[in-house]
Amino acid sequence: MSGYRATYKTSRVYVQSVKVRIGINREEQKRRKRPRVSQLRSPASLALMYMIYVDESGDDGLRPGGTDFFVISGVIIHESYWNEIFQRFLDLRRNLSRNFAIPQRIAFHATDIVNGHGDFHHSRYGLHPHERFEIYRQIMEFLAQLQEIRVLNVVTRKRLTRPDTPVFEWSWEKFIQRLQTFLERGGSGFGVDNDYGLLVTDRTHDDQLRRLMRKLRAFNYVPSMIPGSPRRKLLVTKMLDDPNPRDSRQSYWIQMADLAAYALARKLFPRPSLRPYHFETYFDILDPILYKEASHYDPQGIVIWP
């Protein structure tokens, strides 16, 4: 009996030790599977967000006296780089303030800079025309160096459209669809495939744009690339919330979108009075950061319609 008891006790100890080891192994496996805090904060391990700052150039009407174009440009920034890029942008503003004797908080509006209106009138800070255009150029060159951002552009040539064409809806629809595609394909390579986007716009037809966004989330049929094939239902699922309208004077990045949109407008629809400053070439400065995959019909990815 004593031998039996010894064997029984030995077996119990062995079984218990096996259970303990199994328990340790399971805890070790759980620990290894459990992500670290640094991994949770990394944009490669969970869905984060792209911020898209958008502004328009031209008007969406078809009445006589309006512009020949309606341009939408968006500056796309992944949130994981936002603070870093913003600090670099503040450095740019400090340099411009020091070199041209203008306030650091001055609002960069394209038409004000080009036409010498508002804060860029000669009577305000004594800026000469060549200084105004040099400021514009330096900002564009600064943006072109930011490899962490992309610029998406849509242009509507209004003179080629029918009189009853809803220019605003059609232009914004094409812009939002390209954003959806951008996000579905993993953005600019700085986020992950499941990242989302948040649209921040200048004050525009806010209610009209809100209704359009909600419609595209529920009903969005686009033509197939294959001739004769039926239209495809591609709902906008990667954009968070409704568009967020802001006063462009309070958003540096909306101002950058404004500069890009106007430069594009004057590249495609040049003004003779701006040729001495070679302003029609300013948009080309942004070539390194343009979202060229937006259109296969234009080398710079500009979505030109019709």
C-alpha atoms as a PDB file:
ATOM      1  CA  MET A   1       0.000   0.000   0.000  1.00  0.00           C
ATOM      2  CA  SER A   2       2.814   2.321   0.845  1.00  0.00           C
ATOM      3  CA  GLY A   3       4.211   1.865  -2.636  1.00  0.00           C
ATOM      4  CA  TYR A   4       0.781   2.529  -4.142  1.00  0.00           C
ATOM      5  CA  ARG A   5       0.352   5.699  -2.114  1.00  0.00           C
ATOM      6  CA  ALA A   6       3.762   6.905  -3.126  1.00  0.00           C
ATOM      7  CA  THR A   7       2.959   6.269  -6.760  1.00  0.00           C
ATOM      8  CA  TYR A   8      -0.434   7.976  -6.394  1.00  0.00           C
ATOM      9  CA  LYS A   9       1.118  11.016  -4.739  1.00  0.00           C
ATOM     10  CA  THR A  10       3.796  11.129  -7.401  1.00  0.00           C
ATOM     11  CA  SER A  11       1.129  10.959 -10.107  1.00  0.00           C
ATOM     12  CA  ARG A  12      -0.859  13.769  -8.515  1.00  0.00           C
ATOM     13  CA  VAL A  13       2.236  15.950  -8.303  1.00  0.00           C
ATOM     14  CA  TYR A  14       3.019  15.177 -11.947  1.00  0.00           C
ATOM     15  CA  VAL A  15      -0.524  15.988 -13.074  1.00  0.00           C
ATOM     16  CA  GLN A  16      -0.534  19.208 -11.089  1.00  0.00           C
ATOM     17  CA  SER A  17       2.841  20.215 -12.538  1.00  0.00           C
ATOM     18  CA  VAL A  18       1.552  19.538 -16.048  1.00  0.00           C
ATOM     19  CA  LYS A  19      -1.534  21.690 -15.364  1.00  0.00           C
ATOM     20  CA  VAL A  20       0.677  24.452 -14.012  1.00  0.00           C
ATOM     21  CA  ARG A  21       2.868  24.315 -17.110  1.00  0.00           C
ATOM     22  CA  ILE A  22      -0.178  24.309 -19.390  1.00  0.00           C
ATOM     23  CA  GLY A  23      -1.547  27.291 -17.506  1.00  0.00           C
ATOM     24  CA  ILE A  24       1.768  29.115 -17.821  1.00  0.00           C
ATOM     25  CA  ASN A  25       1.910  28.348 -21.543  1.00  0.00           C
ATOM     26  CA  ARG A  26      -1.616  29.643 -22.058  1.00  0.00           C
ATOM     27  CA  GLU A  27      -0.847  32.829 -20.157  1.00  0.00           C
ATOM     28  CA  GLU A  28       2.338  33.213 -22.176  1.00  0.00           C
ATOM     29  CA  GLN A  29       0.389  32.813 -25.406  1.00  0.00           C
ATOM     30  CA  LYS A  30      -2.181  35.365 -24.279  1.00  0.00           C
ATOM     31  CA  ARG A  31       0.582  37.766 -23.292  1.00  0.00           C
ATOM     32  CA  ARG A  32       2.273  37.394 -26.631  1.00  0.00           C
ATOM     33  CA  LYS A  33      -0.989  37.967 -28.498  1.00  0.00           C
ATOM     34  CA  ARG A  34      -1.869  40.977 -26.406  1.00  0.00           C
ATOM     35  CA  PRO A  35      -0.700  44.140 -28.253  1.00  0.00           C
ATOM     36  CA  ARG A  36       1.592  46.524 -26.492  1.00  0.00           C
ATOM     37  CA  VAL A  37       0.554  50.101 -25.783  1.00  0.00           C
ATOM     38  CA  SER A  38       3.033  51.339 -28.355  1.00  0.00           C
ATOM     39  CA  GLN A  39       1.413  49.036 -30.917  1.00  0.00           C
ATOM     40  CA  LEU A  40      -2.042  50.350 -30.107  1.00  0.00           C
ATOM     41  CA  ARG A  41      -0.846  53.877 -30.730  1.00  0.00           C
ATOM     42  CA  SER A  42       0.804  52.983 -34.008  1.00  0.00           C
ATOM     43  CA  PRO A  43      -1.114  53.852 -37.219  1.00  0.00           C
ATOM     44  CA  ALA A  44      -0.131  50.457 -38.573  1.00  0.00           C
ATOM     45  CA  SER A  45      -2.160  48.541 -35.979  1.00  0.00           C
ATOM     46  CA  LEU A  46      -5.553  50.219 -35.918  1.00  0.00           C
ATOM     47  CA  ALA A  47      -7.724  52.464 -38.035  1.00  0.00           C
ATOM     48  CA  LEU A  48      -6.812  56.113 -37.852  1.00  0.00           C
ATOM     49  CA  MET A  49      -7.888  58.952 -40.082  1.00  0.00           C
ATOM     50  CA  TYR A  50      -6.982  61.216 -42.942  1.00  0.00           C
ATOM     51  CA  MET A  51      -7.926  64.883 -42.637  1.00  0.00           C
ATOM     52  CA  ILE A  52      -9.031  66.355 -45.978  1.00  0.00           C
ATOM     53  CA  TYR A  53      -9.072  70.158 -46.164  1.00  0.00           C
ATOM     54  CA  VAL A  54     -10.989  71.403 -49.190  1.00  0.00           C
ATOM     55  CA  ASP A  55     -11.670  74.700 -50.912  1.00  0.00           C
ATOM     56  CA  GLU A  56     -13.149  75.783 -54.218  1.00  0.00           C
ATOM     57  CA  SER A  57     -12.127  78.276 -56.883  1.00  0.00           C
ATOM     58  CA  GLY A  58     -14.591  79.841 -59.265  1.00  0.00           C
ATOM     59  CA  ASP A  59     -18.371  79.611 -59.011  1.00  0.00           C
ATOM     60  CA  ASP A  60     -20.748  76.771 -59.724  1.00  0.00           C
ATOM     61  CA  GLY A  61     -23.310  78.853 -61.614  1.00  0.00           C
ATOM     62  CA  LEU A  62     -23.860  78.981 -65.355  1.00  0.00           C
ATOM     63  CA  ARG A  63     -25.100  82.555 -65.566  1.00  0.00           C
ATOM     64  CA  PRO A  64     -23.299  85.114 -67.782  1.00  0.00           C
ATOM     65  CA  GLY A  65     -20.459  86.881 -66.051  1.00  0.00           C
ATOM     66  CA  GLY A  66     -19.405  83.880 -63.984  1.00  0.00           C
ATOM     67  CA  THR A  67     -16.132  82.019 -64.213  1.00  0.00           C
ATOM     68  CA  ASP A  68     -15.430  79.463 -66.911  1.00  0.00           C
ATOM     69  CA  PHE A  69     -14.362  76.949 -64.299  1.00  0.00           C
ATOM     70  CA  PHE A  70     -15.288  75.367 -61.000  1.00  0.00           C
ATOM     71  CA  VAL A  71     -12.283  73.842 -59.230  1.00  0.00           C
ATOM     72  CA  ILE A  72     -12.176  71.757 -56.052  1.00  0.00           C
ATOM     73  CA  SER A  73      -8.818  71.045 -54.411  1.00  0.00           C
ATOM     74  CA  GLY A  74      -8.201  69.056 -51.243  1.00  0.00           C
ATOM     75  CA  VAL A  75      -5.085  68.783 -49.085  1.00  0.00           C
ATOM     76  CA  ILE A  76      -4.962  65.277 -47.555  1.00  0.00           C
ATOM     77  CA  ILE A  77      -2.996  64.771 -44.325  1.00  0.00           C
ATOM     78  CA  HIS A  78      -2.818  61.618 -42.219  1.00  0.00           C
ATOM     79  CA  GLU A  79      -3.487  62.408 -38.585  1.00  0.00           C
ATOM     80  CA  SER A  80      -0.288  60.700 -37.415  1.00  0.00           C
ATOM     81  CA  TYR A  81       1.728  63.402 -39.245  1.00  0.00           C
ATOM     82  CA  TRP A  82      -0.562  66.349 -38.568  1.00  0.00           C
ATOM     83  CA  ASN A  83       1.304  67.901 -35.622  1.00  0.00           C
ATOM     84  CA  GLU A  84       4.710  67.461 -37.208  1.00  0.00           C
ATOM     85  CA  ILE A  85       3.633  69.098 -40.463  1.00  0.00           C
ATOM     86  CA  PHE A  86       1.803  71.877 -38.642  1.00  0.00           C
ATOM     87  CA  GLN A  87       4.977  72.821 -36.742  1.00  0.00           C
ATOM     88  CA  ARG A  88       6.860  73.028 -40.033  1.00  0.00           C
ATOM     89  CA  PHE A  89       4.105  75.202 -41.421  1.00  0.00           C
ATOM     90  CA  LEU A  90       4.417  77.556 -38.450  1.00  0.00           C
ATOM     91  CA  ASP A  91       8.132  77.846 -39.214  1.00  0.00           C
ATOM     92  CA  LEU A  92       7.229  78.873 -42.759  1.00  0.00           C
ATOM     93  CA  ARG A  93       4.877  81.569 -41.494  1.00  0.00           C
ATOM     94  CA  ARG A  94       7.580  82.904 -39.170  1.00  0.00           C
ATOM     95  CA  ASN A  95      10.026  83.098 -42.077  1.00  0.00           C
ATOM     96  CA  LEU A  96       7.507  84.879 -44.297  1.00  0.00           C
ATOM     97  CA  SER A  97       6.698  87.293 -41.482  1.00  0.00           C
ATOM     98  CA  ARG A  98      10.380  88.076 -40.998  1.00  0.00           C
ATOM     99  CA  ASN A  99      11.248  88.365 -44.700  1.00  0.00           C
ATOM    100  CA  PHE A 100       8.210  90.352 -45.874  1.00  0.00           C
ATOM    101  CA  ALA A 101       7.200  92.214 -42.674  1.00  0.00           C
ATOM    102  CA  ILE A 102       3.697  90.708 -42.556  1.00  0.00           C
ATOM    103  CA  PRO A 103       1.863  89.339 -39.483  1.00  0.00           C
ATOM    104  CA  GLN A 104       2.331  85.647 -38.731  1.00  0.00           C
ATOM    105  CA  ARG A 105      -1.433  85.182 -38.484  1.00  0.00           C
ATOM    106  CA  ILE A 106      -2.232  86.766 -41.850  1.00  0.00           C
ATOM    107  CA  ALA A 107      -4.748  84.768 -43.922  1.00  0.00           C
ATOM    108  CA  PHE A 108      -3.380  83.505 -47.223  1.00  0.00           C
ATOM    109  CA  HIS A 109      -6.272  83.874 -49.663  1.00  0.00           C
ATOM    110  CA  ALA A 110      -5.319  83.332 -53.294  1.00  0.00           C
ATOM    111  CA  THR A 111      -7.273  86.165 -54.884  1.00  0.00           C
ATOM    112  CA  ASP A 112      -6.102  88.617 -52.200  1.00  0.00           C
ATOM    113  CA  ILE A 113      -2.460  87.746 -52.857  1.00  0.00           C
ATOM    114  CA  VAL A 114      -2.780  87.804 -56.645  1.00  0.00           C
ATOM    115  CA  ASN A 115      -4.955  90.909 -56.940  1.00  0.00           C
ATOM    116  CA  GLY A 116      -3.521  92.855 -54.014  1.00  0.00           C
ATOM    117  CA  HIS A 117      -6.730  92.947 -51.999  1.00  0.00           C
ATOM    118  CA  GLY A 118      -7.404  92.812 -48.261  1.00  0.00           C
ATOM    119  CA  ASP A 119      -4.288  92.411 -46.136  1.00  0.00           C
ATOM    120  CA  PHE A 120      -2.204  92.204 -49.299  1.00  0.00           C
ATOM    121  CA  HIS A 121      -3.150  95.673 -50.477  1.00  0.00           C
ATOM    122  CA  HIS A 122      -0.119  97.923 -50.797  1.00  0.00           C
ATOM    123  CA  SER A 123      -1.500 100.297 -48.175  1.00  0.00           C
ATOM    124  CA  ARG A 124      -1.502  97.590 -45.481  1.00  0.00           C
ATOM    125  CA  TYR A 125       2.072  96.308 -45.350  1.00  0.00           C
ATOM    126  CA  GLY A 126       3.663  97.942 -48.380  1.00  0.00           C
ATOM    127  CA  LEU A 127       3.886  94.772 -50.458  1.00  0.00           C
ATOM    128  CA  HIS A 128       4.775  95.216 -54.121  1.00  0.00           C
ATOM    129  CA  PRO A 129       3.311  92.864 -56.739  1.00  0.00           C
ATOM    130  CA  HIS A 130       6.531  90.871 -57.165  1.00  0.00           C
ATOM    131  CA  GLU A 131       6.648  90.369 -53.367  1.00  0.00           C
ATOM    132  CA  ARG A 132       3.071  89.082 -53.299  1.00  0.00           C
ATOM    133  CA  PHE A 133       3.817  86.532 -56.014  1.00  0.00           C
ATOM    134  CA  GLU A 134       7.048  85.544 -54.279  1.00  0.00           C
ATOM    135  CA  ILE A 135       5.040  84.775 -51.136  1.00  0.00           C
ATOM    136  CA  TYR A 136       2.663  82.639 -53.192  1.00  0.00           C
ATOM    137  CA  ARG A 137       5.552  80.799 -54.819  1.00  0.00           C
ATOM    138  CA  GLN A 138       7.353  80.124 -51.545  1.00  0.00           C
ATOM    139  CA  ILE A 139       4.201  78.621 -50.053  1.00  0.00           C
ATOM    140  CA  MET A 140       3.752  76.330 -53.054  1.00  0.00           C
ATOM    141  CA  GLU A 141       7.397  75.247 -52.844  1.00  0.00           C
ATOM    142  CA  PHE A 142       6.958  74.526 -49.150  1.00  0.00           C
ATOM    143  CA  LEU A 143       3.917  72.333 -49.838  1.00  0.00           C
ATOM    144  CA  ALA A 144       5.760  70.461 -52.588  1.00  0.00           C
ATOM    145  CA  GLN A 145       8.381  69.354 -50.045  1.00  0.00           C
ATOM    146  CA  LEU A 146       5.795  67.750 -47.744  1.00  0.00           C
ATOM    147  CA  GLN A 147       5.940  64.168 -48.962  1.00  0.00           C
ATOM    148  CA  GLU A 148       3.456  63.184 -46.227  1.00  0.00           C
ATOM    149  CA  ILE A 149       0.529  64.973 -47.919  1.00  0.00           C
ATOM    150  CA  ARG A 150      -1.396  64.588 -51.165  1.00  0.00           C
ATOM    151  CA  VAL A 151      -3.475  67.046 -53.183  1.00  0.00           C
ATOM    152  CA  LEU A 152      -6.611  65.889 -55.006  1.00  0.00           C
ATOM    153  CA  ASN A 153      -8.100  68.095 -57.737  1.00  0.00           C
ATOM    154  CA  VAL A 154     -11.342  68.182 -59.721  1.00  0.00           C
ATOM    155  CA  VAL A 155     -12.047  70.704 -62.491  1.00  0.00           C
ATOM    156  CA  THR A 156     -15.352  71.376 -64.248  1.00  0.00           C
ATOM    157  CA  ARG A 157     -15.155  73.303 -67.532  1.00  0.00           C
ATOM    158  CA  LYS A 158     -18.515  74.985 -67.331  1.00  0.00           C
ATOM    159  CA  ARG A 159     -18.666  76.219 -70.903  1.00  0.00           C
ATOM    160  CA  LEU A 160     -18.702  72.610 -72.102  1.00  0.00           C
ATOM    161  CA  THR A 161     -21.646  71.629 -69.923  1.00  0.00           C
ATOM    162  CA  ARG A 162     -25.366  71.878 -70.666  1.00  0.00           C
ATOM    163  CA  PRO A 163     -27.280  74.848 -69.220  1.00  0.00           C
ATOM    164  CA  ASP A 164     -29.188  72.622 -66.808  1.00  0.00           C
ATOM    165  CA  THR A 165     -26.094  70.831 -65.458  1.00  0.00           C
ATOM    166  CA  PRO A 166     -25.877  70.752 -61.633  1.00  0.00           C
ATOM    167  CA  VAL A 167     -22.219  71.804 -61.567  1.00  0.00           C
ATOM    168  CA  PHE A 168     -21.907  71.832 -57.786  1.00  0.00           C
ATOM    169  CA  GLU A 169     -23.338  68.339 -57.240  1.00  0.00           C
ATOM    170  CA  TRP A 170     -21.493  66.717 -60.134  1.00  0.00           C
ATOM    171  CA  SER A 171     -18.128  68.260 -59.216  1.00  0.00           C
ATOM    172  CA  TRP A 172     -18.367  67.370 -55.541  1.00  0.00           C
ATOM    173  CA  GLU A 173     -19.628  63.882 -56.357  1.00  0.00           C
ATOM    174  CA  LYS A 174     -16.520  63.202 -58.432  1.00  0.00           C
ATOM    175  CA  PHE A 175     -14.318  64.608 -55.681  1.00  0.00           C
ATOM    176  CA  ILE A 176     -15.899  62.465 -52.959  1.00  0.00           C
ATOM    177  CA  GLN A 177     -15.779  59.341 -55.130  1.00  0.00           C
ATOM    178  CA  ARG A 178     -12.036  59.833 -55.656  1.00  0.00           C
ATOM    179  CA  LEU A 179     -11.587  60.260 -51.927  1.00  0.00           C
ATOM    180  CA  GLN A 180     -13.424  56.982 -51.349  1.00  0.00           C
ATOM    181  CA  THR A 181     -11.101  55.250 -53.815  1.00  0.00           C
ATOM    182  CA  PHE A 182      -8.060  56.874 -52.197  1.00  0.00           C
ATOM    183  CA  LEU A 183      -9.055  55.514 -48.781  1.00  0.00           C
ATOM    184  CA  GLU A 184     -10.023  52.066 -50.080  1.00  0.00           C
ATOM    185  CA  ARG A 185      -6.562  51.689 -51.617  1.00  0.00           C
ATOM    186  CA  GLY A 186      -4.791  52.506 -48.375  1.00  0.00           C
ATOM    187  CA  GLY A 187      -4.408  56.245 -48.893  1.00  0.00           C
ATOM    188  CA  SER A 188      -0.972  57.662 -49.603  1.00  0.00           C
ATOM    189  CA  GLY A 189       0.879  54.817 -47.929  1.00  0.00           C
ATOM    190  CA  PHE A 190       1.190  56.535 -44.553  1.00  0.00           C
ATOM    191  CA  GLY A 191      -1.794  54.819 -42.935  1.00  0.00           C
ATOM    192  CA  VAL A 192      -3.380  51.400 -43.246  1.00  0.00           C
ATOM    193  CA  ASP A 193      -6.097  49.929 -45.446  1.00  0.00           C
ATOM    194  CA  ASN A 194      -8.849  50.469 -42.882  1.00  0.00           C
ATOM    195  CA  ASP A 195      -8.225  54.185 -42.328  1.00  0.00           C
ATOM    196  CA  TYR A 196     -11.083  56.650 -42.736  1.00  0.00           C
ATOM    197  CA  GLY A 197     -11.392  60.275 -43.792  1.00  0.00           C
ATOM    198  CA  LEU A 198     -12.881  63.447 -42.340  1.00  0.00           C
ATOM    199  CA  LEU A 199     -13.823  66.265 -44.685  1.00  0.00           C
ATOM    200  CA  VAL A 200     -13.144  69.857 -43.556  1.00  0.00           C
ATOM    201  CA  THR A 201     -14.424  72.480 -45.998  1.00  0.00           C
ATOM    202  CA  ASP A 202     -14.582  76.204 -46.401  1.00  0.00           C
ATOM    203  CA  ARG A 203     -18.029  77.691 -46.051  1.00  0.00           C
ATOM    204  CA  THR A 204     -19.823  76.673 -49.227  1.00  0.00           C
ATOM    205  CA  HIS A 205     -23.351  75.420 -49.910  1.00  0.00           C
ATOM    206  CA  ASP A 206     -23.193  73.567 -46.591  1.00  0.00           C
ATOM    207  CA  ASP A 207     -26.680  72.061 -46.603  1.00  0.00           C
ATOM    208  CA  GLN A 208     -26.382  71.030 -50.238  1.00  0.00           C
ATOM    209  CA  LEU A 209     -23.042  69.320 -49.640  1.00  0.00           C
ATOM    210  CA  ARG A 210     -24.369  67.577 -46.535  1.00  0.00           C
ATOM    211  CA  ARG A 211     -27.318  66.151 -48.472  1.00  0.00           C
ATOM    212  CA  LEU A 212     -25.000  64.992 -51.239  1.00  0.00           C
ATOM    213  CA  MET A 213     -22.711  63.166 -48.803  1.00  0.00           C
ATOM    214  CA  ARG A 214     -25.653  61.390 -47.185  1.00  0.00           C
ATOM    215  CA  LYS A 215     -27.009  60.390 -50.584  1.00  0.00           C
ATOM    216  CA  LEU A 216     -23.673  58.906 -51.660  1.00  0.00           C
ATOM    217  CA  ARG A 217     -23.645  56.784 -48.524  1.00  0.00           C
ATOM    218  CA  ALA A 218     -26.983  55.229 -49.492  1.00  0.00           C
ATOM    219  CA  PHE A 219     -27.187  55.487 -53.287  1.00  0.00           C
ATOM    220  CA  ASN A 220     -24.150  55.820 -55.547  1.00  0.00           C
ATOM    221  CA  TYR A 221     -24.107  54.182 -58.951  1.00  0.00           C
ATOM    222  CA  VAL A 222     -21.075  54.872 -61.154  1.00  0.00           C
ATOM    223  CA  PRO A 223     -20.454  53.913 -64.787  1.00  0.00           C
ATOM    224  CA  SER A 224     -18.429  50.766 -65.402  1.00  0.00           C
ATOM    225  CA  MET A 225     -14.998  51.035 -67.023  1.00  0.00           C
ATOM    226  CA  ILE A 226     -16.022  48.154 -69.299  1.00  0.00           C
ATOM    227  CA  PRO A 227     -18.160  49.292 -72.268  1.00  0.00           C
ATOM    228  CA  GLY A 228     -21.642  47.806 -72.205  1.00  0.00           C
ATOM    229  CA  SER A 229     -21.442  46.729 -68.566  1.00  0.00           C
ATOM    230  CA  PRO A 230     -24.088  47.878 -66.068  1.00  0.00           C
ATOM    231  CA  ARG A 231     -23.438  50.668 -63.599  1.00  0.00           C
ATOM    232  CA  ARG A 232     -21.804  49.665 -60.317  1.00  0.00           C
ATOM    233  CA  LYS A 233     -23.098  50.492 -56.856  1.00  0.00           C
ATOM    234  CA  LEU A 234     -20.191  51.988 -54.913  1.00  0.00           C
ATOM    235  CA  LEU A 235     -21.339  53.487 -51.632  1.00  0.00           C
ATOM    236  CA  VAL A 236     -19.198  56.024 -49.830  1.00  0.00           C
ATOM    237  CA  THR A 237     -18.287  54.159 -46.643  1.00  0.00           C
ATOM    238  CA  LYS A 238     -14.869  55.544 -45.734  1.00  0.00           C
ATOM    239  CA  MET A 239     -15.874  59.121 -44.885  1.00  0.00           C
ATOM    240  CA  LEU A 240     -16.739  59.854 -41.265  1.00  0.00           C
ATOM    241  CA  ASP A 241     -19.642  62.148 -40.353  1.00  0.00           C
ATOM    242  CA  ASP A 242     -20.939  65.005 -42.492  1.00  0.00           C
ATOM    243  CA  PRO A 243     -18.546  67.535 -44.012  1.00  0.00           C
ATOM    244  CA  ASN A 244     -17.312  69.984 -41.377  1.00  0.00           C
ATOM    245  CA  PRO A 245     -17.556  73.590 -42.620  1.00  0.00           C
ATOM    246  CA  ARG A 246     -15.104  76.138 -41.220  1.00  0.00           C
ATOM    247  CA  ASP A 247     -14.225  79.753 -41.821  1.00  0.00           C
ATOM    248  CA  SER A 248     -11.106  79.580 -43.977  1.00  0.00           C
ATOM    249  CA  ARG A 249      -9.593  82.499 -42.056  1.00  0.00           C
ATOM    250  CA  GLN A 250      -9.363  80.141 -39.077  1.00  0.00           C
ATOM    251  CA  SER A 251      -7.880  77.174 -40.944  1.00  0.00           C
ATOM    252  CA  TYR A 252      -4.371  77.326 -42.382  1.00  0.00           C
ATOM    253  CA  TRP A 253      -4.886  74.132 -44.363  1.00  0.00           C
ATOM    254  CA  ILE A 254      -8.081  75.295 -46.033  1.00  0.00           C
ATOM    255  CA  GLN A 255      -6.075  78.329 -47.110  1.00  0.00           C
ATOM    256  CA  MET A 256      -3.509  75.982 -48.650  1.00  0.00           C
ATOM    257  CA  ALA A 257      -6.290  74.204 -50.544  1.00  0.00           C
ATOM    258  CA  ASP A 258      -7.452  77.617 -51.775  1.00  0.00           C
ATOM    259  CA  LEU A 259      -3.976  78.451 -53.101  1.00  0.00           C
ATOM    260  CA  ALA A 260      -3.787  75.091 -54.890  1.00  0.00           C
ATOM    261  CA  ALA A 261      -7.259  75.459 -56.421  1.00  0.00           C
ATOM    262  CA  TYR A 262      -6.649  78.967 -57.739  1.00  0.00           C
ATOM    263  CA  ALA A 263      -3.218  78.061 -59.130  1.00  0.00           C
ATOM    264  CA  LEU A 264      -4.823  75.135 -60.968  1.00  0.00           C
ATOM    265  CA  ALA A 265      -7.590  77.360 -62.302  1.00  0.00           C
ATOM    266  CA  ARG A 266      -5.053  79.810 -63.728  1.00  0.00           C
ATOM    267  CA  LYS A 267      -2.984  77.011 -65.198  1.00  0.00           C
ATOM    268  CA  LEU A 268      -5.958  75.782 -67.238  1.00  0.00           C
ATOM    269  CA  PHE A 269      -7.603  79.205 -67.674  1.00  0.00           C
ATOM    270  CA  PRO A 270      -4.706  81.692 -67.674  1.00  0.00           C
ATOM    271  CA  ARG A 271      -5.130  85.440 -67.271  1.00  0.00           C
ATOM    272  CA  PRO A 272      -2.968  87.555 -69.599  1.00  0.00           C
ATOM    273  CA  SER A 273      -2.247  90.042 -66.800  1.00  0.00           C
ATOM    274  CA  LEU A 274      -0.564  87.298 -64.752  1.00  0.00           C
ATOM    275  CA  ARG A 275       1.834  86.109 -67.459  1.00  0.00           C
ATOM    276  CA  PRO A 276       4.671  88.487 -66.455  1.00  0.00           C
ATOM    277  CA  TYR A 277       4.802  86.581 -63.144  1.00  0.00           C
ATOM    278  CA  HIS A 278       4.584  83.142 -64.859  1.00  0.00           C
ATOM    279  CA  PHE A 279       1.674  82.372 -62.594  1.00  0.00           C
ATOM    280  CA  GLU A 280       0.374  79.684 -64.967  1.00  0.00           C
ATOM    281  CA  THR A 281       3.352  77.549 -63.845  1.00  0.00           C
ATOM    282  CA  TYR A 282       2.713  77.797 -60.093  1.00  0.00           C
ATOM    283  CA  PHE A 283       0.455  74.753 -59.911  1.00  0.00           C
ATOM    284  CA  ASP A 284       3.156  72.581 -61.501  1.00  0.00           C
ATOM    285  CA  ILE A 285       5.308  73.220 -58.423  1.00  0.00           C
ATOM    286  CA  LEU A 286       2.957  70.862 -56.549  1.00  0.00           C
ATOM    287  CA  ASP A 287       3.626  67.975 -58.949  1.00  0.00           C
ATOM    288  CA  PRO A 288       5.511  65.818 -56.376  1.00  0.00           C
ATOM    289  CA  ILE A 289       2.514  65.716 -54.005  1.00  0.00           C
ATOM    290  CA  LEU A 290      -0.390  65.474 -56.440  1.00  0.00           C
ATOM    291  CA  TYR A 291      -2.673  62.448 -56.146  1.00  0.00           C
ATOM    292  CA  LYS A 292      -1.994  61.303 -59.696  1.00  0.00           C
ATOM    293  CA  GLU A 293      -3.951  58.063 -59.371  1.00  0.00           C
ATOM    294  CA  ALA A 294      -7.193  60.065 -59.319  1.00  0.00           C
ATOM    295  CA  SER A 295      -7.305  60.162 -63.135  1.00  0.00           C
ATOM    296  CA  HIS A 296      -5.656  58.057 -65.808  1.00  0.00           C
ATOM    297  CA  TYR A 297      -6.455  60.676 -68.426  1.00  0.00           C
ATOM    298  CA  ASP A 298      -4.236  63.433 -67.012  1.00  0.00           C
ATOM    299  CA  PRO A 299      -0.519  63.054 -66.119  1.00  0.00           C
ATOM    300  CA  GLN A 300      -1.046  65.073 -62.931  1.00  0.00           C
ATOM    301  CA  GLY A 301      -4.138  63.133 -61.911  1.00  0.00           C
ATOM    302  CA  ILE A 302      -6.444  66.112 -62.378  1.00  0.00           C
ATOM    303  CA  VAL A 303     -10.055  64.991 -62.795  1.00  0.00           C
ATOM    304  CA  ILE A 304     -11.217  67.233 -65.645  1.00  0.00           C
ATOM    305  CA  TRP A 305     -14.864  67.162 -66.594  1.00  0.00           C
ATOM    306  CA  PRO A 306     -16.386  67.192 -69.141  1.00  0.00           C
END
